[in-house]
Amino acid sequence: MQVILLGLPGAGKGTQAAWIVEDFGLPHISTGDMFRAAAKGESQVSGEIRSYIEGGLLVPDELTIRIVRDRIAQDDAKEGFLLDGFPRTRPQAQALDNMLAEVGRPLSRVIYLEVGREELLRRLGGRWVCPGCGATYHAVFQPPRSAGVCNECGTALQQRADDRPDAVRVRLEQNWDNTQSLVAFYEARGVLTRLAGDQPIDRVRRAIRAALRGDGQ
């Protein structure tokens, strides 16, 4: 099973991805996580990735495609995978088609979590993360027990550069047109399932599970 989880930043892809991994045993391939890990390095490529992230800009297609190609070739992804954050553009989608055609593994399903831009701004503006253990919090929806401190390890929380208000607005504007283009691309191929991402998260989980099983339950 080769699955894409599609949606604008803040649509709830991270939460739902964790459950898809639990329900179907697929490795979660998140380009955002890979980029953030790479940005911590000292190489020229790391510096380049860091500059895009801090400016709220998209990492160029050529660099993104190279990273994803290497990842899906790893052993744990040979029986299927969940892609989160890729593709983000038509050229990336076409490159993915080529990658999968080379190994005879067609795309199974694209799940699109649909959420309005104003709601996305509200969600993203309050998101904080723990640099120690990676736990995620939200000032409104999931605040820590003690303000500014991780529940799990006691580390001071931080706001990612790409979650700050100015960067969030840039990200949403840049992603909007690309996302709609991808929706049209996959809808025309008959592999897209649209789901309302602003409904209760348990309901979204059940809808995703039914879409991937193809049983309508």
C-alpha atoms as a PDB file:
ATOM      1  CA  MET A   1       0.000   0.000   0.000  1.00  0.00           C
ATOM      2  CA  GLN A   2       1.473   3.328  -1.155  1.00  0.00           C
ATOM      3  CA  VAL A   3      -0.453   6.208   0.444  1.00  0.00           C
ATOM      4  CA  ILE A   4      -0.155   9.994   0.298  1.00  0.00           C
ATOM      5  CA  LEU A   5      -1.568  12.178   3.082  1.00  0.00           C
ATOM      6  CA  LEU A   6      -2.287  15.547   1.495  1.00  0.00           C
ATOM      7  CA  GLY A   7      -3.299  18.836   3.113  1.00  0.00           C
ATOM      8  CA  LEU A   8      -2.138  22.330   3.969  1.00  0.00           C
ATOM      9  CA  PRO A   9       0.122  22.920   7.000  1.00  0.00           C
ATOM     10  CA  GLY A  10      -1.994  22.583  10.145  1.00  0.00           C
ATOM     11  CA  ALA A  11      -4.622  20.328   8.570  1.00  0.00           C
ATOM     12  CA  GLY A  12      -3.884  17.553  11.082  1.00  0.00           C
ATOM     13  CA  LYS A  13      -1.676  15.345   8.937  1.00  0.00           C
ATOM     14  CA  GLY A  14       0.743  14.580  11.780  1.00  0.00           C
ATOM     15  CA  THR A  15      -1.995  13.352  14.124  1.00  0.00           C
ATOM     16  CA  GLN A  16      -3.682  11.243  11.479  1.00  0.00           C
ATOM     17  CA  ALA A  17      -0.374   9.905  10.145  1.00  0.00           C
ATOM     18  CA  ALA A  18       0.418   8.421  13.564  1.00  0.00           C
ATOM     19  CA  TRP A  19      -2.887   6.554  13.532  1.00  0.00           C
ATOM     20  CA  ILE A  20      -2.456   5.339   9.941  1.00  0.00           C
ATOM     21  CA  VAL A  21       0.907   3.906  10.958  1.00  0.00           C
ATOM     22  CA  GLU A  22      -0.769   2.205  13.932  1.00  0.00           C
ATOM     23  CA  ASP A  23      -3.734   0.892  11.932  1.00  0.00           C
ATOM     24  CA  PHE A  24      -1.894  -0.301   8.817  1.00  0.00           C
ATOM     25  CA  GLY A  25       1.735  -0.763   9.858  1.00  0.00           C
ATOM     26  CA  LEU A  26       3.128   1.584   7.206  1.00  0.00           C
ATOM     27  CA  PRO A  27       6.374   3.520   7.732  1.00  0.00           C
ATOM     28  CA  HIS A  28       5.686   7.234   8.076  1.00  0.00           C
ATOM     29  CA  ILE A  29       7.823   9.251   5.650  1.00  0.00           C
ATOM     30  CA  SER A  30       7.560  12.932   6.561  1.00  0.00           C
ATOM     31  CA  THR A  31       9.562  15.351   4.444  1.00  0.00           C
ATOM     32  CA  GLY A  32       9.130  17.993   7.155  1.00  0.00           C
ATOM     33  CA  ASP A  33      10.841  15.757   9.712  1.00  0.00           C
ATOM     34  CA  MET A  34      13.589  14.871   7.248  1.00  0.00           C
ATOM     35  CA  PHE A  35      14.194  18.520   6.391  1.00  0.00           C
ATOM     36  CA  ARG A  36      14.349  19.594  10.036  1.00  0.00           C
ATOM     37  CA  ALA A  37      16.817  16.807  10.825  1.00  0.00           C
ATOM     38  CA  ALA A  38      18.967  17.704   7.823  1.00  0.00           C
ATOM     39  CA  ALA A  39      18.899  21.410   8.742  1.00  0.00           C
ATOM     40  CA  LYS A  40      20.705  20.651  12.005  1.00  0.00           C
ATOM     41  CA  GLY A  41      23.821  19.527  10.141  1.00  0.00           C
ATOM     42  CA  GLU A  42      26.809  21.591   9.107  1.00  0.00           C
ATOM     43  CA  SER A  43      27.042  20.702   5.413  1.00  0.00           C
ATOM     44  CA  GLN A  44      26.291  23.057   2.529  1.00  0.00           C
ATOM     45  CA  VAL A  45      23.047  21.174   1.855  1.00  0.00           C
ATOM     46  CA  SER A  46      22.039  21.539   5.527  1.00  0.00           C
ATOM     47  CA  GLY A  47      22.614  25.286   5.382  1.00  0.00           C
ATOM     48  CA  GLU A  48      20.560  25.536   2.213  1.00  0.00           C
ATOM     49  CA  ILE A  49      17.650  23.612   3.713  1.00  0.00           C
ATOM     50  CA  ARG A  50      17.860  25.706   6.895  1.00  0.00           C
ATOM     51  CA  SER A  51      17.575  28.952   4.927  1.00  0.00           C
ATOM     52  CA  TYR A  52      14.372  27.777   3.233  1.00  0.00           C
ATOM     53  CA  ILE A  53      12.774  26.595   6.479  1.00  0.00           C
ATOM     54  CA  GLU A  54      13.587  29.772   8.421  1.00  0.00           C
ATOM     55  CA  GLY A  55      12.160  31.895   5.621  1.00  0.00           C
ATOM     56  CA  GLY A  56       8.952  29.869   5.485  1.00  0.00           C
ATOM     57  CA  LEU A  57       9.807  28.849   1.904  1.00  0.00           C
ATOM     58  CA  LEU A  58       9.448  25.521   0.118  1.00  0.00           C
ATOM     59  CA  VAL A  59      12.563  23.425  -0.393  1.00  0.00           C
ATOM     60  CA  PRO A  60      13.171  23.214  -4.188  1.00  0.00           C
ATOM     61  CA  ASP A  61      11.812  20.220  -6.077  1.00  0.00           C
ATOM     62  CA  GLU A  62      15.178  18.800  -7.153  1.00  0.00           C
ATOM     63  CA  LEU A  63      16.489  18.617  -3.585  1.00  0.00           C
ATOM     64  CA  THR A  64      13.197  17.287  -2.192  1.00  0.00           C
ATOM     65  CA  ILE A  65      12.889  14.584  -4.847  1.00  0.00           C
ATOM     66  CA  ARG A  66      16.429  13.359  -4.194  1.00  0.00           C
ATOM     67  CA  ILE A  67      15.774  13.026  -0.453  1.00  0.00           C
ATOM     68  CA  VAL A  68      12.469  11.179  -0.954  1.00  0.00           C
ATOM     69  CA  ARG A  69      13.875   8.822  -3.591  1.00  0.00           C
ATOM     70  CA  ASP A  70      16.608   7.733  -1.169  1.00  0.00           C
ATOM     71  CA  ARG A  71      14.086   7.248   1.649  1.00  0.00           C
ATOM     72  CA  ILE A  72      11.520   5.103  -0.173  1.00  0.00           C
ATOM     73  CA  ALA A  73      14.322   2.843  -1.419  1.00  0.00           C
ATOM     74  CA  GLN A  74      15.112   1.794   2.159  1.00  0.00           C
ATOM     75  CA  ASP A  75      14.161  -1.700   3.320  1.00  0.00           C
ATOM     76  CA  ASP A  76      11.330  -0.684   5.658  1.00  0.00           C
ATOM     77  CA  ALA A  77       9.462   1.041   2.790  1.00  0.00           C
ATOM     78  CA  LYS A  78       9.623  -1.815   0.302  1.00  0.00           C
ATOM     79  CA  GLU A  79       6.242  -3.224   1.399  1.00  0.00           C
ATOM     80  CA  GLY A  80       4.507   0.166   1.368  1.00  0.00           C
ATOM     81  CA  PHE A  81       4.682   3.596   2.961  1.00  0.00           C
ATOM     82  CA  LEU A  82       2.780   6.687   4.030  1.00  0.00           C
ATOM     83  CA  LEU A  83       4.035   9.937   2.478  1.00  0.00           C
ATOM     84  CA  ASP A  84       3.347  13.100   4.471  1.00  0.00           C
ATOM     85  CA  GLY A  85       4.473  16.430   2.980  1.00  0.00           C
ATOM     86  CA  PHE A  86       5.334  15.010  -0.450  1.00  0.00           C
ATOM     87  CA  PRO A  87       4.487  15.680  -3.190  1.00  0.00           C
ATOM     88  CA  ARG A  88       3.851  19.420  -2.843  1.00  0.00           C
ATOM     89  CA  THR A  89       4.027  20.365  -6.535  1.00  0.00           C
ATOM     90  CA  ARG A  90       3.029  18.838  -9.882  1.00  0.00           C
ATOM     91  CA  PRO A  91       6.678  18.166 -10.826  1.00  0.00           C
ATOM     92  CA  GLN A  92       7.116  16.305  -7.520  1.00  0.00           C
ATOM     93  CA  ALA A  93       3.945  14.285  -8.190  1.00  0.00           C
ATOM     94  CA  GLN A  94       5.181  13.356 -11.651  1.00  0.00           C
ATOM     95  CA  ALA A  95       8.602  12.436 -10.230  1.00  0.00           C
ATOM     96  CA  LEU A  96       6.888  10.181  -7.667  1.00  0.00           C
ATOM     97  CA  ASP A  97       4.911   8.491 -10.457  1.00  0.00           C
ATOM     98  CA  ASN A  98       8.190   7.774 -12.219  1.00  0.00           C
ATOM     99  CA  MET A  99       9.801   6.418  -9.035  1.00  0.00           C
ATOM    100  CA  LEU A 100       6.883   4.044  -8.399  1.00  0.00           C
ATOM    101  CA  ALA A 101       6.676   2.961 -12.046  1.00  0.00           C
ATOM    102  CA  GLU A 102      10.343   1.969 -11.938  1.00  0.00           C
ATOM    103  CA  VAL A 103       9.631  -0.529  -9.159  1.00  0.00           C
ATOM    104  CA  GLY A 104       6.118  -1.563 -10.242  1.00  0.00           C
ATOM    105  CA  ARG A 105       4.365  -0.164  -7.174  1.00  0.00           C
ATOM    106  CA  PRO A 106       1.393   2.007  -8.175  1.00  0.00           C
ATOM    107  CA  LEU A 107      -0.061   4.630  -5.845  1.00  0.00           C
ATOM    108  CA  SER A 108      -2.914   3.188  -3.757  1.00  0.00           C
ATOM    109  CA  ARG A 109      -4.745   6.216  -2.335  1.00  0.00           C
ATOM    110  CA  VAL A 110      -4.384   9.950  -1.712  1.00  0.00           C
ATOM    111  CA  ILE A 111      -6.186  11.251   1.389  1.00  0.00           C
ATOM    112  CA  TYR A 112      -6.856  15.010   1.266  1.00  0.00           C
ATOM    113  CA  LEU A 113      -7.636  16.689   4.612  1.00  0.00           C
ATOM    114  CA  GLU A 114      -9.564  19.823   3.691  1.00  0.00           C
ATOM    115  CA  VAL A 115      -9.436  22.765   6.164  1.00  0.00           C
ATOM    116  CA  GLY A 116     -10.082  26.499   5.551  1.00  0.00           C
ATOM    117  CA  ARG A 117      -7.205  28.978   5.639  1.00  0.00           C
ATOM    118  CA  GLU A 118      -8.486  31.021   8.619  1.00  0.00           C
ATOM    119  CA  GLU A 119      -8.745  27.881  10.733  1.00  0.00           C
ATOM    120  CA  LEU A 120      -5.251  26.862   9.644  1.00  0.00           C
ATOM    121  CA  LEU A 121      -3.842  30.227  10.752  1.00  0.00           C
ATOM    122  CA  ARG A 122      -5.470  29.760  14.165  1.00  0.00           C
ATOM    123  CA  ARG A 123      -4.094  26.248  14.523  1.00  0.00           C
ATOM    124  CA  LEU A 124      -0.537  26.957  13.411  1.00  0.00           C
ATOM    125  CA  GLY A 125      -0.046  30.181  15.354  1.00  0.00           C
ATOM    126  CA  GLY A 126      -0.343  28.364  18.694  1.00  0.00           C
ATOM    127  CA  ARG A 127       1.810  25.327  17.989  1.00  0.00           C
ATOM    128  CA  TRP A 128       4.895  24.685  20.181  1.00  0.00           C
ATOM    129  CA  VAL A 129       7.297  21.753  20.251  1.00  0.00           C
ATOM    130  CA  CYS A 130       9.757  20.209  22.680  1.00  0.00           C
ATOM    131  CA  PRO A 131      13.326  20.219  21.308  1.00  0.00           C
ATOM    132  CA  GLY A 132      14.189  17.431  23.739  1.00  0.00           C
ATOM    133  CA  CYS A 133      11.695  14.672  22.965  1.00  0.00           C
ATOM    134  CA  GLY A 134       9.724  16.089  20.015  1.00  0.00           C
ATOM    135  CA  ALA A 135       6.347  16.304  21.828  1.00  0.00           C
ATOM    136  CA  THR A 136       3.925  18.806  20.256  1.00  0.00           C
ATOM    137  CA  TYR A 137       1.597  21.208  22.089  1.00  0.00           C
ATOM    138  CA  HIS A 138      -0.877  23.939  21.230  1.00  0.00           C
ATOM    139  CA  ALA A 139      -1.634  27.038  23.272  1.00  0.00           C
ATOM    140  CA  VAL A 140      -5.408  26.505  22.806  1.00  0.00           C
ATOM    141  CA  PHE A 141      -6.060  22.872  21.869  1.00  0.00           C
ATOM    142  CA  GLN A 142      -3.365  20.990  23.804  1.00  0.00           C
ATOM    143  CA  PRO A 143      -1.518  23.234  26.286  1.00  0.00           C
ATOM    144  CA  PRO A 144       1.220  21.778  28.523  1.00  0.00           C
ATOM    145  CA  ARG A 145       0.433  21.341  32.214  1.00  0.00           C
ATOM    146  CA  SER A 146       3.010  24.028  33.060  1.00  0.00           C
ATOM    147  CA  ALA A 147       3.228  26.988  30.691  1.00  0.00           C
ATOM    148  CA  GLY A 148       6.182  26.717  28.318  1.00  0.00           C
ATOM    149  CA  VAL A 149       7.439  23.375  29.688  1.00  0.00           C
ATOM    150  CA  CYS A 150       7.170  19.887  28.182  1.00  0.00           C
ATOM    151  CA  ASN A 151       4.998  17.448  30.150  1.00  0.00           C
ATOM    152  CA  GLU A 152       7.211  14.506  29.199  1.00  0.00           C
ATOM    153  CA  CYS A 153      10.768  15.668  29.849  1.00  0.00           C
ATOM    154  CA  GLY A 154      10.570  19.146  31.415  1.00  0.00           C
ATOM    155  CA  THR A 155      12.413  20.876  28.557  1.00  0.00           C
ATOM    156  CA  ALA A 156      11.486  24.475  27.675  1.00  0.00           C
ATOM    157  CA  LEU A 157       9.194  24.500  24.642  1.00  0.00           C
ATOM    158  CA  GLN A 158      10.084  26.312  21.426  1.00  0.00           C
ATOM    159  CA  GLN A 159       8.176  27.583  18.436  1.00  0.00           C
ATOM    160  CA  ARG A 160       9.582  26.384  15.122  1.00  0.00           C
ATOM    161  CA  ALA A 161      10.748  29.089  12.752  1.00  0.00           C
ATOM    162  CA  ASP A 162       8.194  27.892  10.195  1.00  0.00           C
ATOM    163  CA  ASP A 163       5.334  28.161  12.763  1.00  0.00           C
ATOM    164  CA  ARG A 164       5.857  31.857  13.554  1.00  0.00           C
ATOM    165  CA  PRO A 165       3.017  34.106  12.288  1.00  0.00           C
ATOM    166  CA  ASP A 166       4.848  35.737   9.377  1.00  0.00           C
ATOM    167  CA  ALA A 167       6.285  32.433   8.171  1.00  0.00           C
ATOM    168  CA  VAL A 168       2.883  30.737   8.562  1.00  0.00           C
ATOM    169  CA  ARG A 169       1.212  33.237   6.236  1.00  0.00           C
ATOM    170  CA  VAL A 170       3.941  32.750   3.635  1.00  0.00           C
ATOM    171  CA  ARG A 171       3.652  28.964   3.895  1.00  0.00           C
ATOM    172  CA  LEU A 172      -0.114  28.941   3.463  1.00  0.00           C
ATOM    173  CA  GLU A 173      -0.068  31.255   0.460  1.00  0.00           C
ATOM    174  CA  GLN A 174       2.680  29.258  -1.204  1.00  0.00           C
ATOM    175  CA  ASN A 175       1.032  25.935  -0.456  1.00  0.00           C
ATOM    176  CA  TRP A 176      -2.538  26.868  -1.409  1.00  0.00           C
ATOM    177  CA  ASP A 177      -2.181  26.911  -5.207  1.00  0.00           C
ATOM    178  CA  ASN A 178       0.140  23.907  -5.237  1.00  0.00           C
ATOM    179  CA  THR A 179      -2.241  21.872  -3.078  1.00  0.00           C
ATOM    180  CA  GLN A 180      -5.251  22.649  -5.267  1.00  0.00           C
ATOM    181  CA  SER A 181      -3.233  21.661  -8.327  1.00  0.00           C
ATOM    182  CA  LEU A 182      -2.356  18.325  -6.713  1.00  0.00           C
ATOM    183  CA  VAL A 183      -5.977  17.743  -5.701  1.00  0.00           C
ATOM    184  CA  ALA A 184      -7.036  18.176  -9.327  1.00  0.00           C
ATOM    185  CA  PHE A 185      -4.170  15.946 -10.524  1.00  0.00           C
ATOM    186  CA  TYR A 186      -5.051  13.019  -8.258  1.00  0.00           C
ATOM    187  CA  GLU A 187      -8.810  13.507  -8.521  1.00  0.00           C
ATOM    188  CA  ALA A 188      -8.537  13.129 -12.303  1.00  0.00           C
ATOM    189  CA  ARG A 189      -6.712   9.827 -11.748  1.00  0.00           C
ATOM    190  CA  GLY A 190      -9.452   8.518  -9.445  1.00  0.00           C
ATOM    191  CA  VAL A 191      -7.220   7.946  -6.397  1.00  0.00           C
ATOM    192  CA  LEU A 192      -8.230  10.975  -4.279  1.00  0.00           C
ATOM    193  CA  THR A 193     -10.476  10.886  -1.198  1.00  0.00           C
ATOM    194  CA  ARG A 194     -11.556  14.288   0.209  1.00  0.00           C
ATOM    195  CA  LEU A 195     -12.196  14.442   3.967  1.00  0.00           C
ATOM    196  CA  ALA A 196     -13.203  17.398   6.133  1.00  0.00           C
ATOM    197  CA  GLY A 197     -10.203  17.956   8.401  1.00  0.00           C
ATOM    198  CA  ASP A 198     -12.054  20.318  10.741  1.00  0.00           C
ATOM    199  CA  GLN A 199     -14.328  17.622  12.187  1.00  0.00           C
ATOM    200  CA  PRO A 200     -13.472  15.727  15.411  1.00  0.00           C
ATOM    201  CA  ILE A 201     -10.180  13.890  15.028  1.00  0.00           C
ATOM    202  CA  ASP A 202     -11.658  10.480  15.928  1.00  0.00           C
ATOM    203  CA  ARG A 203     -14.197  10.888  13.131  1.00  0.00           C
ATOM    204  CA  VAL A 204     -11.423  11.789  10.700  1.00  0.00           C
ATOM    205  CA  ARG A 205      -9.526   8.685  11.779  1.00  0.00           C
ATOM    206  CA  ARG A 206     -12.533   6.431  11.124  1.00  0.00           C
ATOM    207  CA  ALA A 207     -13.089   8.018   7.711  1.00  0.00           C
ATOM    208  CA  ILE A 208      -9.441   7.519   6.732  1.00  0.00           C
ATOM    209  CA  ARG A 209      -9.510   3.906   7.919  1.00  0.00           C
ATOM    210  CA  ALA A 210     -12.613   3.230   5.804  1.00  0.00           C
ATOM    211  CA  ALA A 211     -11.102   4.911   2.747  1.00  0.00           C
ATOM    212  CA  LEU A 212      -7.917   2.859   2.957  1.00  0.00           C
ATOM    213  CA  ARG A 213      -9.746  -0.374   3.583  1.00  0.00           C
ATOM    214  CA  GLY A 214     -12.218   0.393   0.829  1.00  0.00           C
ATOM    215  CA  ASP A 215     -15.013  -1.092   2.901  1.00  0.00           C
ATOM    216  CA  GLY A 216     -17.117   2.037   3.542  1.00  0.00           C
ATOM    217  CA  GLN A 217     -17.174   1.368   7.312  1.00  0.00           C
END
